[in-house]
Amino acid sequence: MPEKIRFTPQLIDSHCLIDVRTPLEFEEDHIPGAINVPLLTNEERVEIGIMHKNVGPVQARKRGLEMTCPRFYDMVSRIISVADGRPVVVYCWRGGMRSNSVALLLEICGTPAMQLVGGYKSYRKHVMDFFEKCDFAGPLIVIHGMTGTGKTEFIKQLDTSKWSPIDLEGLACHRGSAFGSLGMQQDFSQKWFESLLWDAFRRMPPDRPIVLEGESRRIGRYFLPGNLYSRMSEGCRAWAYASLETRVKRLTAEYAKPEYKTGMLLALERIRKKLGGIHHMQLQELIETWDVEGIAQGLIESYYDKTYYSTRDWTAEIDLELEDYVRAEAELLHFWNSRNADARQDIQAADTL
């Protein structure tokens, strides 16, 4: 019988994870890095499920064997090829017959294989527990600021030898604003967003702060999982700012694509009530004439600065000018080192009492 193994994040880097669930199950969510070698097609799984319920497990298993036998050789060959010498771990929905059958088949053909205890469900529980505890490898620095200040680009260009940046908007495929979906598609599941985010956090080394952008609980149609939002509100908060001219220039560079025009008009319609009739009409005209700088400035003055962060019940630990990203990073590093030095002195002073 195949050896059984429990899920740990280290398996992703050390083993070849084979997901034998259907393509639809795999598409909804899977262990990052896993390879889908389905035992059953989407339609076959539905048929087997109905037969199991209406006729019984024995007949359902016989039908499953009839369906899958012709593809055993191709499955084994593919798994051996993609494993490329790495130890193989096979998983299905909950560590049942599908993964056991494929792992046993590999063993019979001379390739050692392990079966993941609890299957995908054990991995999913690990992810959910991770975001409930939010016990991250390093402290959090959360960059807040008005739209167009360049927060996302600043985070993305940070020196990864000093910081652990996480691009929340990049992972969510949404910029987190009324026009945030332009040129991006949120065409995957909430569960897969959580897997992507978990995988980003698990890769973070323990010796440097994690830097991410301040977001609401929802980015487009995805929600920040577990207690992440609360944990971010407890982290070190930085307030990023830039001149109106710089913000207009950055928004123009990001959105000045003619293929965005229709999407802009649709997004504008969704915020019509918040804008008011006059501002809506003015912005609509700017979009129709494709005055992108005018659109950017109009949205900043008529919508973004009146809607986002209109009230703040917290004070930032550092105000960070983002006119120059390199200078801003140096300023943030100086602040962080000074802050930690002060904390160490406080601890030493307390120890002497």
Protein backbone atom coordinates (compact mmCIF):
# COMPACT_ATOMS: atom_id res chain seq x y z
CA MET A 1 0.00 0.00 0.00
CA PRO A 2 1.23 3.56 -0.70
CA GLU A 3 2.81 5.47 2.17
CA LYS A 4 0.61 8.19 3.64
CA ILE A 5 1.96 11.68 4.32
CA ARG A 6 0.44 14.75 5.97
CA PHE A 7 0.45 18.17 4.36
CA THR A 8 3.19 20.65 5.22
CA PRO A 9 4.13 23.73 3.15
CA GLN A 10 7.60 22.26 2.59
CA LEU A 11 6.06 19.56 0.36
CA ILE A 12 5.49 22.18 -2.34
CA ASP A 13 9.22 22.74 -2.77
CA SER A 14 10.46 19.20 -2.19
CA HIS A 15 7.87 16.93 -3.84
CA CYS A 16 5.89 16.61 -7.05
CA LEU A 17 2.25 17.10 -6.08
CA ILE A 18 -0.20 15.33 -8.35
CA ASP A 19 -3.85 16.43 -8.17
CA VAL A 20 -6.06 13.66 -9.57
CA ARG A 21 -9.33 15.56 -9.13
CA THR A 22 -11.35 16.71 -12.14
CA PRO A 23 -10.27 19.78 -14.15
CA LEU A 24 -13.15 21.79 -12.64
CA GLU A 25 -12.12 20.95 -9.08
CA PHE A 26 -8.52 21.82 -9.91
CA GLU A 27 -9.50 25.10 -11.56
CA GLU A 28 -11.47 26.22 -8.52
CA ASP A 29 -8.46 25.76 -6.24
CA HIS A 30 -5.45 23.53 -5.75
CA ILE A 31 -2.18 23.34 -3.88
CA PRO A 32 0.21 25.84 -5.53
CA GLY A 33 2.62 24.06 -7.84
CA ALA A 34 0.45 20.94 -8.12
CA ILE A 35 -0.09 19.31 -11.52
CA ASN A 36 -3.51 18.12 -12.59
CA VAL A 37 -3.61 14.55 -13.87
CA PRO A 38 -7.34 13.83 -13.52
CA LEU A 39 -8.53 10.30 -12.95
CA LEU A 40 -12.07 11.24 -14.03
CA THR A 41 -13.41 13.90 -16.36
CA ASN A 42 -15.90 16.46 -15.06
CA GLU A 43 -18.78 14.58 -16.66
CA GLU A 44 -17.59 11.16 -15.48
CA ARG A 45 -17.43 12.32 -11.88
CA VAL A 46 -21.04 13.50 -12.06
CA GLU A 47 -22.11 10.16 -13.55
CA ILE A 48 -20.24 8.17 -10.88
CA GLY A 49 -21.72 10.31 -8.12
CA ILE A 50 -25.27 9.75 -9.34
CA MET A 51 -24.66 6.01 -9.70
CA HIS A 52 -23.13 5.80 -6.22
CA LYS A 53 -26.23 7.43 -4.76
CA ASN A 54 -28.89 5.62 -6.77
CA VAL A 55 -27.37 2.18 -7.44
CA GLY A 56 -24.66 1.72 -4.83
CA PRO A 57 -20.89 1.96 -4.33
CA VAL A 58 -19.97 -1.39 -5.88
CA GLN A 59 -21.56 -0.66 -9.25
CA ALA A 60 -20.19 2.89 -9.16
CA ARG A 61 -16.66 1.56 -8.64
CA LYS A 62 -17.02 -0.93 -11.47
CA ARG A 63 -18.21 1.82 -13.78
CA GLY A 64 -15.31 3.99 -12.67
CA LEU A 65 -12.88 1.19 -13.46
CA GLU A 66 -14.43 0.77 -16.89
CA MET A 67 -14.01 4.50 -17.56
CA THR A 68 -10.46 4.92 -16.30
CA CYS A 69 -8.60 1.74 -17.27
CA PRO A 70 -7.85 2.84 -20.86
CA ARG A 71 -6.00 5.94 -19.63
CA PHE A 72 -3.81 4.33 -16.93
CA TYR A 73 -0.73 4.03 -19.13
CA ASP A 74 -0.88 7.69 -20.21
CA MET A 75 -1.44 8.85 -16.62
CA VAL A 76 1.52 6.93 -15.25
CA SER A 77 3.76 8.09 -18.09
CA ARG A 78 2.81 11.72 -17.58
CA ILE A 79 3.30 11.62 -13.82
CA ILE A 80 6.75 10.06 -14.18
CA SER A 81 7.66 12.70 -16.76
CA VAL A 82 6.54 15.73 -14.74
CA ALA A 83 7.99 14.35 -11.49
CA ASP A 84 11.43 14.37 -13.10
CA GLY A 85 12.96 12.39 -10.24
CA ARG A 86 11.16 14.17 -7.39
CA PRO A 87 9.20 12.08 -4.87
CA VAL A 88 5.52 11.91 -5.84
CA VAL A 89 2.58 12.82 -3.59
CA VAL A 90 -0.90 12.13 -4.97
CA TYR A 91 -4.01 13.83 -3.62
CA CYS A 92 -7.72 14.02 -4.35
CA TRP A 93 -10.62 15.76 -2.57
CA ARG A 94 -10.23 14.16 0.86
CA GLY A 95 -7.59 11.46 0.53
CA GLY A 96 -9.94 8.75 -0.63
CA MET A 97 -10.20 6.22 -3.41
CA ARG A 98 -9.08 8.41 -6.33
CA SER A 99 -5.68 9.32 -4.90
CA ASN A 100 -5.19 5.88 -3.37
CA SER A 101 -5.88 4.20 -6.71
CA VAL A 102 -3.41 6.36 -8.64
CA ALA A 103 -0.71 6.09 -5.97
CA LEU A 104 -1.15 2.30 -5.94
CA LEU A 105 -0.99 2.21 -9.74
CA LEU A 106 2.31 4.11 -9.66
CA GLU A 107 3.68 1.71 -7.04
CA ILE A 108 2.71 -1.29 -9.18
CA CYS A 109 4.55 0.28 -12.12
CA GLY A 110 7.72 0.73 -10.06
CA THR A 111 7.41 4.41 -9.12
CA PRO A 112 7.18 5.04 -5.36
CA ALA A 113 4.26 7.32 -4.53
CA MET A 114 2.68 8.72 -1.38
CA GLN A 115 -0.94 9.60 -0.70
CA LEU A 116 -1.78 12.91 0.99
CA VAL A 117 -3.74 12.32 4.19
CA GLY A 118 -7.02 14.25 4.04
CA GLY A 119 -6.35 15.28 0.44
CA TYR A 120 -7.10 18.80 -0.76
CA LYS A 121 -9.31 19.38 2.29
CA SER A 122 -6.29 19.10 4.61
CA TYR A 123 -4.45 21.74 2.56
CA ARG A 124 -7.51 24.00 2.53
CA LYS A 125 -7.80 23.74 6.33
CA HIS A 126 -4.14 24.71 6.61
CA VAL A 127 -4.76 27.87 4.55
CA MET A 128 -7.84 28.84 6.56
CA ASP A 129 -6.03 28.29 9.85
CA PHE A 130 -3.09 30.35 8.60
CA PHE A 131 -5.26 33.41 7.94
CA GLU A 132 -7.17 32.96 11.18
CA LYS A 133 -3.92 33.07 13.17
CA CYS A 134 -2.04 35.48 10.87
CA ASP A 135 1.23 34.44 12.46
CA PHE A 136 3.44 35.92 9.75
CA ALA A 137 7.16 35.47 9.28
CA GLY A 138 7.84 39.18 9.81
CA PRO A 139 6.15 42.38 10.99
CA LEU A 140 3.73 44.20 8.67
CA ILE A 141 4.24 47.64 7.17
CA VAL A 142 1.03 48.84 5.49
CA ILE A 143 1.24 51.65 2.93
CA HIS A 144 -1.90 53.81 2.77
CA GLY A 145 -2.54 56.84 0.61
CA MET A 146 -4.77 58.49 -1.95
CA THR A 147 -5.34 57.06 -5.43
CA GLY A 148 -2.55 57.87 -7.86
CA THR A 149 0.23 58.36 -5.33
CA GLY A 150 2.02 55.28 -6.68
CA LYS A 151 1.70 52.96 -3.69
CA THR A 152 1.54 49.76 -5.73
CA GLU A 153 4.52 50.64 -7.93
CA PHE A 154 6.51 51.73 -4.89
CA ILE A 155 5.90 48.39 -3.18
CA LYS A 156 6.75 46.42 -6.33
CA GLN A 157 10.14 48.14 -6.75
CA LEU A 158 11.30 47.68 -3.15
CA ASP A 159 14.67 45.99 -2.60
CA THR A 160 13.78 42.38 -1.76
CA SER A 161 17.01 41.94 0.19
CA LYS A 162 15.62 44.41 2.76
CA TRP A 163 11.85 44.01 2.45
CA SER A 164 9.25 41.35 1.69
CA PRO A 165 6.79 43.10 -0.65
CA ILE A 166 3.39 41.58 -1.41
CA ASP A 167 1.35 43.04 -4.27
CA LEU A 168 -2.22 42.48 -3.07
CA GLU A 169 -3.76 44.16 -6.10
CA GLY A 170 -1.60 42.15 -8.48
CA LEU A 171 -2.66 38.90 -6.83
CA ALA A 172 -6.32 39.97 -6.90
CA CYS A 173 -6.09 41.26 -10.50
CA HIS A 174 -7.84 44.46 -9.42
CA ARG A 175 -6.58 47.91 -8.42
CA GLY A 176 -9.06 48.20 -5.58
CA SER A 177 -10.85 51.29 -6.91
CA ALA A 178 -13.96 52.10 -8.94
CA PHE A 179 -11.94 51.81 -12.15
CA GLY A 180 -9.72 49.05 -10.81
CA SER A 181 -10.90 46.29 -13.13
CA LEU A 182 -9.81 48.01 -16.36
CA GLY A 183 -7.43 45.77 -18.25
CA MET A 184 -7.63 43.09 -15.56
CA GLN A 185 -9.84 40.04 -15.06
CA GLN A 186 -10.93 38.47 -11.81
CA ASP A 187 -11.80 35.19 -13.48
CA PHE A 188 -10.74 32.79 -10.74
CA SER A 189 -12.26 31.73 -7.44
CA GLN A 190 -12.03 33.29 -3.99
CA LYS A 191 -10.32 30.08 -2.85
CA TRP A 192 -7.61 30.42 -5.49
CA PHE A 193 -7.03 34.06 -4.50
CA GLU A 194 -6.51 32.84 -0.94
CA SER A 195 -4.10 30.16 -2.14
CA LEU A 196 -2.09 32.74 -4.12
CA LEU A 197 -1.97 35.02 -1.09
CA TRP A 198 -1.04 32.19 1.27
CA ASP A 199 1.73 31.11 -1.10
CA ALA A 200 3.09 34.68 -1.19
CA PHE A 201 3.18 34.85 2.63
CA ARG A 202 4.74 31.40 3.01
CA ARG A 203 7.66 32.46 0.81
CA MET A 204 8.53 35.40 3.05
CA PRO A 205 11.82 35.03 4.95
CA PRO A 206 11.67 35.71 8.70
CA ASP A 207 14.34 38.42 8.83
CA ARG A 208 12.61 41.33 7.10
CA PRO A 209 9.34 43.30 7.30
CA ILE A 210 6.42 42.45 5.00
CA VAL A 211 5.25 45.49 3.04
CA LEU A 212 1.80 45.64 1.50
CA GLU A 213 -0.78 48.18 0.46
CA GLY A 214 -3.64 49.29 2.67
CA GLU A 215 -6.87 47.89 1.24
CA SER A 216 -10.48 47.57 2.27
CA ARG A 217 -11.80 44.14 3.23
CA ARG A 218 -12.63 43.57 -0.43
CA ILE A 219 -10.49 43.99 -3.56
CA GLY A 220 -12.89 43.86 -6.46
CA ARG A 221 -14.90 40.70 -5.88
CA TYR A 222 -12.37 39.02 -3.58
CA PHE A 223 -12.30 39.35 0.20
CA LEU A 224 -9.19 39.42 2.37
CA PRO A 225 -9.31 36.06 4.17
CA GLY A 226 -9.59 35.34 7.88
CA ASN A 227 -8.20 38.00 10.17
CA LEU A 228 -5.83 39.53 7.62
CA TYR A 229 -7.68 42.85 7.47
CA SER A 230 -7.60 43.19 11.27
CA ARG A 231 -3.96 42.18 11.38
CA MET A 232 -3.10 44.82 8.78
CA SER A 233 -4.84 47.48 10.88
CA GLU A 234 -2.56 46.51 13.78
CA GLY A 235 0.62 46.78 11.69
CA CYS A 236 2.90 49.76 11.20
CA ARG A 237 1.02 52.28 9.06
CA ALA A 238 2.66 54.62 6.57
CA TRP A 239 0.82 57.44 4.81
CA ALA A 240 2.00 57.94 1.22
CA TYR A 241 1.46 61.23 -0.55
CA ALA A 242 2.41 62.96 -3.79
CA SER A 243 1.55 66.19 -5.57
CA LEU A 244 -1.61 66.49 -7.65
CA GLU A 245 0.55 66.87 -10.75
CA THR A 246 2.38 63.60 -10.03
CA ARG A 247 -0.83 61.74 -9.26
CA VAL A 248 -2.44 62.90 -12.52
CA LYS A 249 0.68 61.88 -14.44
CA ARG A 250 0.74 58.40 -12.87
CA LEU A 251 -2.96 57.74 -13.39
CA THR A 252 -2.70 58.97 -16.98
CA ALA A 253 0.21 56.63 -17.69
CA GLU A 254 -1.73 53.70 -16.23
CA TYR A 255 -5.09 54.32 -17.88
CA ALA A 256 -4.26 56.05 -21.19
CA LYS A 257 -5.23 53.06 -23.29
CA PRO A 258 -8.03 53.51 -25.84
CA GLU A 259 -9.29 49.97 -25.20
CA TYR A 260 -10.24 51.11 -21.67
CA LYS A 261 -12.71 53.73 -22.96
CA THR A 262 -15.85 51.57 -22.87
CA GLY A 263 -14.93 50.17 -19.46
CA MET A 264 -14.39 53.69 -18.13
CA LEU A 265 -17.86 54.76 -19.23
CA LEU A 266 -19.39 51.71 -17.52
CA ALA A 267 -17.42 52.35 -14.33
CA LEU A 268 -18.43 56.01 -14.41
CA GLU A 269 -22.07 54.99 -14.62
CA ARG A 270 -21.69 52.87 -11.46
CA ILE A 271 -20.55 55.89 -9.43
CA ARG A 272 -22.99 58.38 -10.95
CA LYS A 273 -24.87 58.95 -7.67
CA LYS A 274 -21.70 59.56 -5.69
CA LEU A 275 -20.42 62.00 -8.31
CA GLY A 276 -23.60 63.97 -8.78
CA GLY A 277 -25.10 64.96 -12.10
CA ILE A 278 -22.76 67.81 -13.03
CA HIS A 279 -19.49 65.99 -12.24
CA HIS A 280 -20.76 62.85 -13.94
CA MET A 281 -21.60 64.79 -17.10
CA GLN A 282 -18.23 66.56 -17.11
CA LEU A 283 -16.28 63.32 -16.69
CA GLN A 284 -18.37 61.57 -19.30
CA GLU A 285 -17.50 64.31 -21.79
CA LEU A 286 -13.79 64.01 -20.94
CA ILE A 287 -13.93 60.26 -21.57
CA GLU A 288 -15.80 60.74 -24.86
CA THR A 289 -13.15 63.21 -26.08
CA TRP A 290 -10.43 60.98 -24.54
CA ASP A 291 -8.82 63.70 -22.42
CA VAL A 292 -7.09 61.22 -20.10
CA GLU A 293 -5.28 63.83 -18.00
CA GLY A 294 -8.56 65.66 -17.53
CA ILE A 295 -10.26 62.39 -16.58
CA ALA A 296 -7.54 61.65 -14.01
CA GLN A 297 -7.67 65.09 -12.42
CA GLY A 298 -11.46 65.17 -12.46
CA LEU A 299 -11.71 61.79 -10.73
CA ILE A 300 -9.13 62.77 -8.12
CA GLU A 301 -10.89 66.02 -7.26
CA SER A 302 -14.52 64.97 -7.69
CA TYR A 303 -14.44 61.38 -6.50
CA TYR A 304 -11.31 59.73 -5.11
CA ASP A 305 -10.29 62.39 -2.59
CA LYS A 306 -13.87 62.81 -1.42
CA THR A 307 -14.55 59.09 -1.08
CA TYR A 308 -11.39 57.29 0.03
CA TYR A 309 -9.88 58.13 3.42
CA SER A 310 -12.37 60.99 3.86
CA THR A 311 -12.07 60.25 7.57
CA ARG A 312 -9.23 58.46 9.37
CA ASP A 313 -9.46 57.34 12.97
CA TRP A 314 -5.74 56.54 13.07
CA THR A 315 -2.44 58.39 12.75
CA ALA A 316 0.34 57.14 10.52
CA GLU A 317 3.71 56.38 12.09
CA ILE A 318 5.44 57.89 9.08
CA ASP A 319 4.41 60.21 6.25
CA LEU A 320 6.14 59.09 3.08
CA GLU A 321 6.52 61.33 0.05
CA LEU A 322 6.40 59.22 -3.11
CA GLU A 323 7.63 61.77 -5.65
CA ASP A 324 10.84 59.72 -5.88
CA TYR A 325 10.57 56.00 -5.08
CA VAL A 326 14.28 55.52 -4.34
CA ARG A 327 14.34 58.41 -1.90
CA ALA A 328 11.10 57.22 -0.31
CA GLU A 329 12.54 53.74 0.23
CA ALA A 330 15.64 55.21 1.89
CA GLU A 331 13.39 57.28 4.15
CA LEU A 332 11.30 54.24 5.05
CA LEU A 333 14.42 52.20 5.82
CA HIS A 334 15.80 54.95 8.08
CA PHE A 335 12.47 55.16 9.89
CA TRP A 336 12.25 51.38 10.32
CA ASN A 337 15.79 51.03 11.64
CA SER A 338 15.29 53.93 14.08
CA ARG A 339 11.97 52.50 15.24
CA ASN A 340 13.52 49.11 15.95
CA ALA A 341 16.52 50.68 17.67
CA ASP A 342 14.18 52.61 19.98
CA ALA A 343 12.23 49.42 20.72
CA ARG A 344 15.45 47.58 21.63
CA GLN A 345 16.49 50.40 23.95
CA ASP A 346 13.09 50.29 25.66
CA ILE A 347 13.46 46.54 26.21
CA GLN A 348 16.99 46.95 27.60
CA ALA A 349 15.84 49.73 29.92
CA ALA A 350 12.96 47.57 31.18
CA ASP A 351 15.36 44.67 31.84
CA THR A 352 17.49 46.85 34.10
CA LEU A 353 14.58 47.77 36.36
